Amino acid sequence: MYRIATNSCKDHWRKASTKREHYTDKSLEEKGQVHHIIDRQLERKWMIEALNQLSFEYRSVLYLRFYQDLKYAEIALTLDIPISTVKVRLTRGLKYLEKILNEDNRKGAGTNE
């Protein structure tokens, strides 16, 4: 079960890093929604790049919690780890992710000035 979950997470991140949303509806352009779609794609790319910088143990727990919407007990069962470990990895993973995103944001702000 753990191997299946692990491979599933790896496959998802590999696909997500190349996935793009395509919109061709002219009505989106007329309503001015193209900018929102582009912003969303850039934010998704930024988030995926940040998540990929995390170690697999943190990335897999974050993926199962926030993308698969699993409860702590379900994550623990899927990864065959104690619930306390799930909680620690979620807390630390979010902390590291926030640090990565803040560093990226500072780098981006510094290059625009």
C-alpha atoms as a PDB file:
ATOM      1  CA  MET A   1       0.000   0.000   0.000  1.00  0.00           C
ATOM      2  CA  TYR A   2       2.834   2.375   0.873  1.00  0.00           C
ATOM      3  CA  ARG A   3       4.581   1.721  -2.440  1.00  0.00           C
ATOM      4  CA  ILE A   4       1.344   2.436  -4.344  1.00  0.00           C
ATOM      5  CA  ALA A   5       0.840   5.728  -2.484  1.00  0.00           C
ATOM      6  CA  THR A   6       4.463   6.673  -3.012  1.00  0.00           C
ATOM      7  CA  ASN A   7       4.350   5.963  -6.736  1.00  0.00           C
ATOM      8  CA  SER A   8       1.012   7.749  -7.046  1.00  0.00           C
ATOM      9  CA  CYS A   9       2.488  10.874  -5.450  1.00  0.00           C
ATOM     10  CA  LYS A  10       5.562  10.746  -7.669  1.00  0.00           C
ATOM     11  CA  ASP A  11       3.408  10.341 -10.786  1.00  0.00           C
ATOM     12  CA  HIS A  12       1.188  13.232  -9.759  1.00  0.00           C
ATOM     13  CA  TRP A  13       4.089  15.642  -9.221  1.00  0.00           C
ATOM     14  CA  ARG A  14       5.678  14.617 -12.491  1.00  0.00           C
ATOM     15  CA  LYS A  15       2.420  15.227 -14.385  1.00  0.00           C
ATOM     16  CA  ALA A  16       1.556  18.403 -12.472  1.00  0.00           C
ATOM     17  CA  SER A  17       4.867  20.012 -13.325  1.00  0.00           C
ATOM     18  CA  THR A  18       4.061  19.789 -17.047  1.00  0.00           C
ATOM     19  CA  LYS A  19       0.288  20.229 -16.911  1.00  0.00           C
ATOM     20  CA  ARG A  20      -1.132  23.367 -18.468  1.00  0.00           C
ATOM     21  CA  GLU A  21      -4.647  24.665 -18.637  1.00  0.00           C
ATOM     22  CA  HIS A  22      -5.830  25.550 -22.105  1.00  0.00           C
ATOM     23  CA  TYR A  23      -8.641  27.997 -22.712  1.00  0.00           C
ATOM     24  CA  THR A  24      -9.733  28.900 -26.217  1.00  0.00           C
ATOM     25  CA  ASP A  25     -13.152  30.352 -25.528  1.00  0.00           C
ATOM     26  CA  LYS A  26     -13.385  33.852 -27.017  1.00  0.00           C
ATOM     27  CA  SER A  27     -15.893  34.817 -24.333  1.00  0.00           C
ATOM     28  CA  LEU A  28     -13.082  34.654 -21.758  1.00  0.00           C
ATOM     29  CA  GLU A  29     -11.143  37.263 -23.704  1.00  0.00           C
ATOM     30  CA  GLU A  30     -14.214  39.462 -24.060  1.00  0.00           C
ATOM     31  CA  LYS A  31     -14.910  39.341 -20.331  1.00  0.00           C
ATOM     32  CA  GLY A  32     -11.292  40.139 -19.449  1.00  0.00           C
ATOM     33  CA  GLN A  33     -10.761  36.831 -17.642  1.00  0.00           C
ATOM     34  CA  VAL A  34      -7.613  35.913 -19.547  1.00  0.00           C
ATOM     35  CA  HIS A  35      -5.438  37.779 -17.046  1.00  0.00           C
ATOM     36  CA  HIS A  36      -6.947  35.819 -14.160  1.00  0.00           C
ATOM     37  CA  ILE A  37      -6.307  32.520 -15.953  1.00  0.00           C
ATOM     38  CA  ILE A  38      -2.703  33.458 -16.681  1.00  0.00           C
ATOM     39  CA  ASP A  39      -2.181  34.532 -13.065  1.00  0.00           C
ATOM     40  CA  ARG A  40      -3.620  31.224 -11.862  1.00  0.00           C
ATOM     41  CA  GLN A  41      -1.308  29.254 -14.150  1.00  0.00           C
ATOM     42  CA  LEU A  42       1.717  31.192 -12.927  1.00  0.00           C
ATOM     43  CA  GLU A  43       0.704  30.659  -9.289  1.00  0.00           C
ATOM     44  CA  ARG A  44       0.246  26.928  -9.907  1.00  0.00           C
ATOM     45  CA  LYS A  45       3.674  26.690 -11.553  1.00  0.00           C
ATOM     46  CA  TRP A  46       5.235  28.629  -8.677  1.00  0.00           C
ATOM     47  CA  MET A  47       3.579  26.349  -6.100  1.00  0.00           C
ATOM     48  CA  ILE A  48       4.596  23.152  -7.907  1.00  0.00           C
ATOM     49  CA  GLU A  49       8.193  24.338  -8.166  1.00  0.00           C
ATOM     50  CA  ALA A  50       8.185  25.136  -4.454  1.00  0.00           C
ATOM     51  CA  LEU A  51       6.643  21.774  -3.538  1.00  0.00           C
ATOM     52  CA  ASN A  52       9.219  19.966  -5.646  1.00  0.00           C
ATOM     53  CA  GLN A  53      11.951  21.502  -3.500  1.00  0.00           C
ATOM     54  CA  LEU A  54      10.597  19.708  -0.426  1.00  0.00           C
ATOM     55  CA  SER A  55      11.793  16.239   0.488  1.00  0.00           C
ATOM     56  CA  PHE A  56       9.486  13.425  -0.539  1.00  0.00           C
ATOM     57  CA  GLU A  57       8.379  12.719   3.046  1.00  0.00           C
ATOM     58  CA  TYR A  58       6.943  16.242   3.408  1.00  0.00           C
ATOM     59  CA  ARG A  59       5.669  16.535  -0.147  1.00  0.00           C
ATOM     60  CA  SER A  60       3.762  13.238   0.028  1.00  0.00           C
ATOM     61  CA  VAL A  61       1.996  14.170   3.275  1.00  0.00           C
ATOM     62  CA  LEU A  62       1.076  17.622   1.942  1.00  0.00           C
ATOM     63  CA  TYR A  63      -0.202  16.089  -1.285  1.00  0.00           C
ATOM     64  CA  LEU A  64      -2.373  13.524   0.495  1.00  0.00           C
ATOM     65  CA  ARG A  65      -3.763  16.136   2.892  1.00  0.00           C
ATOM     66  CA  PHE A  66      -4.431  19.057   0.579  1.00  0.00           C
ATOM     67  CA  TYR A  67      -4.827  17.532  -2.879  1.00  0.00           C
ATOM     68  CA  GLN A  68      -6.431  14.219  -1.939  1.00  0.00           C
ATOM     69  CA  ASP A  69      -8.243  15.727   1.079  1.00  0.00           C
ATOM     70  CA  LEU A  70      -7.385  12.785   3.332  1.00  0.00           C
ATOM     71  CA  LYS A  71      -7.746  12.939   7.104  1.00  0.00           C
ATOM     72  CA  TYR A  72      -4.713  12.419   9.353  1.00  0.00           C
ATOM     73  CA  ALA A  73      -5.691   8.818  10.115  1.00  0.00           C
ATOM     74  CA  GLU A  74      -6.090   8.042   6.418  1.00  0.00           C
ATOM     75  CA  ILE A  75      -2.692   9.534   5.625  1.00  0.00           C
ATOM     76  CA  ALA A  76      -1.119   7.534   8.458  1.00  0.00           C
ATOM     77  CA  LEU A  77      -2.695   4.342   7.143  1.00  0.00           C
ATOM     78  CA  THR A  78      -1.714   5.077   3.532  1.00  0.00           C
ATOM     79  CA  LEU A  79       1.914   5.836   4.364  1.00  0.00           C
ATOM     80  CA  ASP A  80       2.114   3.305   7.227  1.00  0.00           C
ATOM     81  CA  ILE A  81       3.319   5.899   9.737  1.00  0.00           C
ATOM     82  CA  PRO A  82       1.906   7.044  13.109  1.00  0.00           C
ATOM     83  CA  ILE A  83      -0.590   9.926  13.179  1.00  0.00           C
ATOM     84  CA  SER A  84       1.873  11.942  15.258  1.00  0.00           C
ATOM     85  CA  THR A  85       4.393  11.634  12.419  1.00  0.00           C
ATOM     86  CA  VAL A  86       1.748  12.834   9.943  1.00  0.00           C
ATOM     87  CA  LYS A  87       1.105  15.909  12.088  1.00  0.00           C
ATOM     88  CA  VAL A  88       4.815  16.673  12.456  1.00  0.00           C
ATOM     89  CA  ARG A  89       5.456  16.271   8.726  1.00  0.00           C
ATOM     90  CA  LEU A  90       2.481  18.483   7.864  1.00  0.00           C
ATOM     91  CA  THR A  91       3.603  21.197  10.257  1.00  0.00           C
ATOM     92  CA  ARG A  92       7.226  21.090   9.133  1.00  0.00           C
ATOM     93  CA  GLY A  93       6.308  20.695   5.463  1.00  0.00           C
ATOM     94  CA  LEU A  94       4.096  23.789   5.582  1.00  0.00           C
ATOM     95  CA  LYS A  95       6.813  25.693   7.430  1.00  0.00           C
ATOM     96  CA  TYR A  96       9.440  24.745   4.824  1.00  0.00           C
ATOM     97  CA  LEU A  97       7.029  25.482   1.985  1.00  0.00           C
ATOM     98  CA  GLU A  98       6.299  28.927   3.406  1.00  0.00           C
ATOM     99  CA  LYS A  99      10.031  29.593   3.712  1.00  0.00           C
ATOM    100  CA  ILE A 100      10.629  28.556   0.088  1.00  0.00           C
ATOM    101  CA  LEU A 101       7.750  30.689  -1.185  1.00  0.00           C
ATOM    102  CA  ASN A 102       8.905  33.712   0.823  1.00  0.00           C
ATOM    103  CA  GLU A 103      12.461  33.341  -0.491  1.00  0.00           C
ATOM    104  CA  ASP A 104      11.173  33.058  -4.055  1.00  0.00           C
ATOM    105  CA  ASN A 105       8.977  36.101  -3.510  1.00  0.00           C
ATOM    106  CA  ARG A 106      11.903  38.135  -2.202  1.00  0.00           C
ATOM    107  CA  LYS A 107      14.066  37.074  -5.148  1.00  0.00           C
ATOM    108  CA  GLY A 108      11.331  38.025  -7.590  1.00  0.00           C
ATOM    109  CA  ALA A 109      10.772  41.384  -5.932  1.00  0.00           C
ATOM    110  CA  GLY A 110      14.492  42.117  -5.976  1.00  0.00           C
ATOM    111  CA  THR A 111      14.834  41.524  -9.701  1.00  0.00           C
ATOM    112  CA  ASN A 112      11.947  43.798 -10.619  1.00  0.00           C
ATOM    113  CA  GLU A 113      13.393  46.883  -8.989  1.00  0.00           C
END
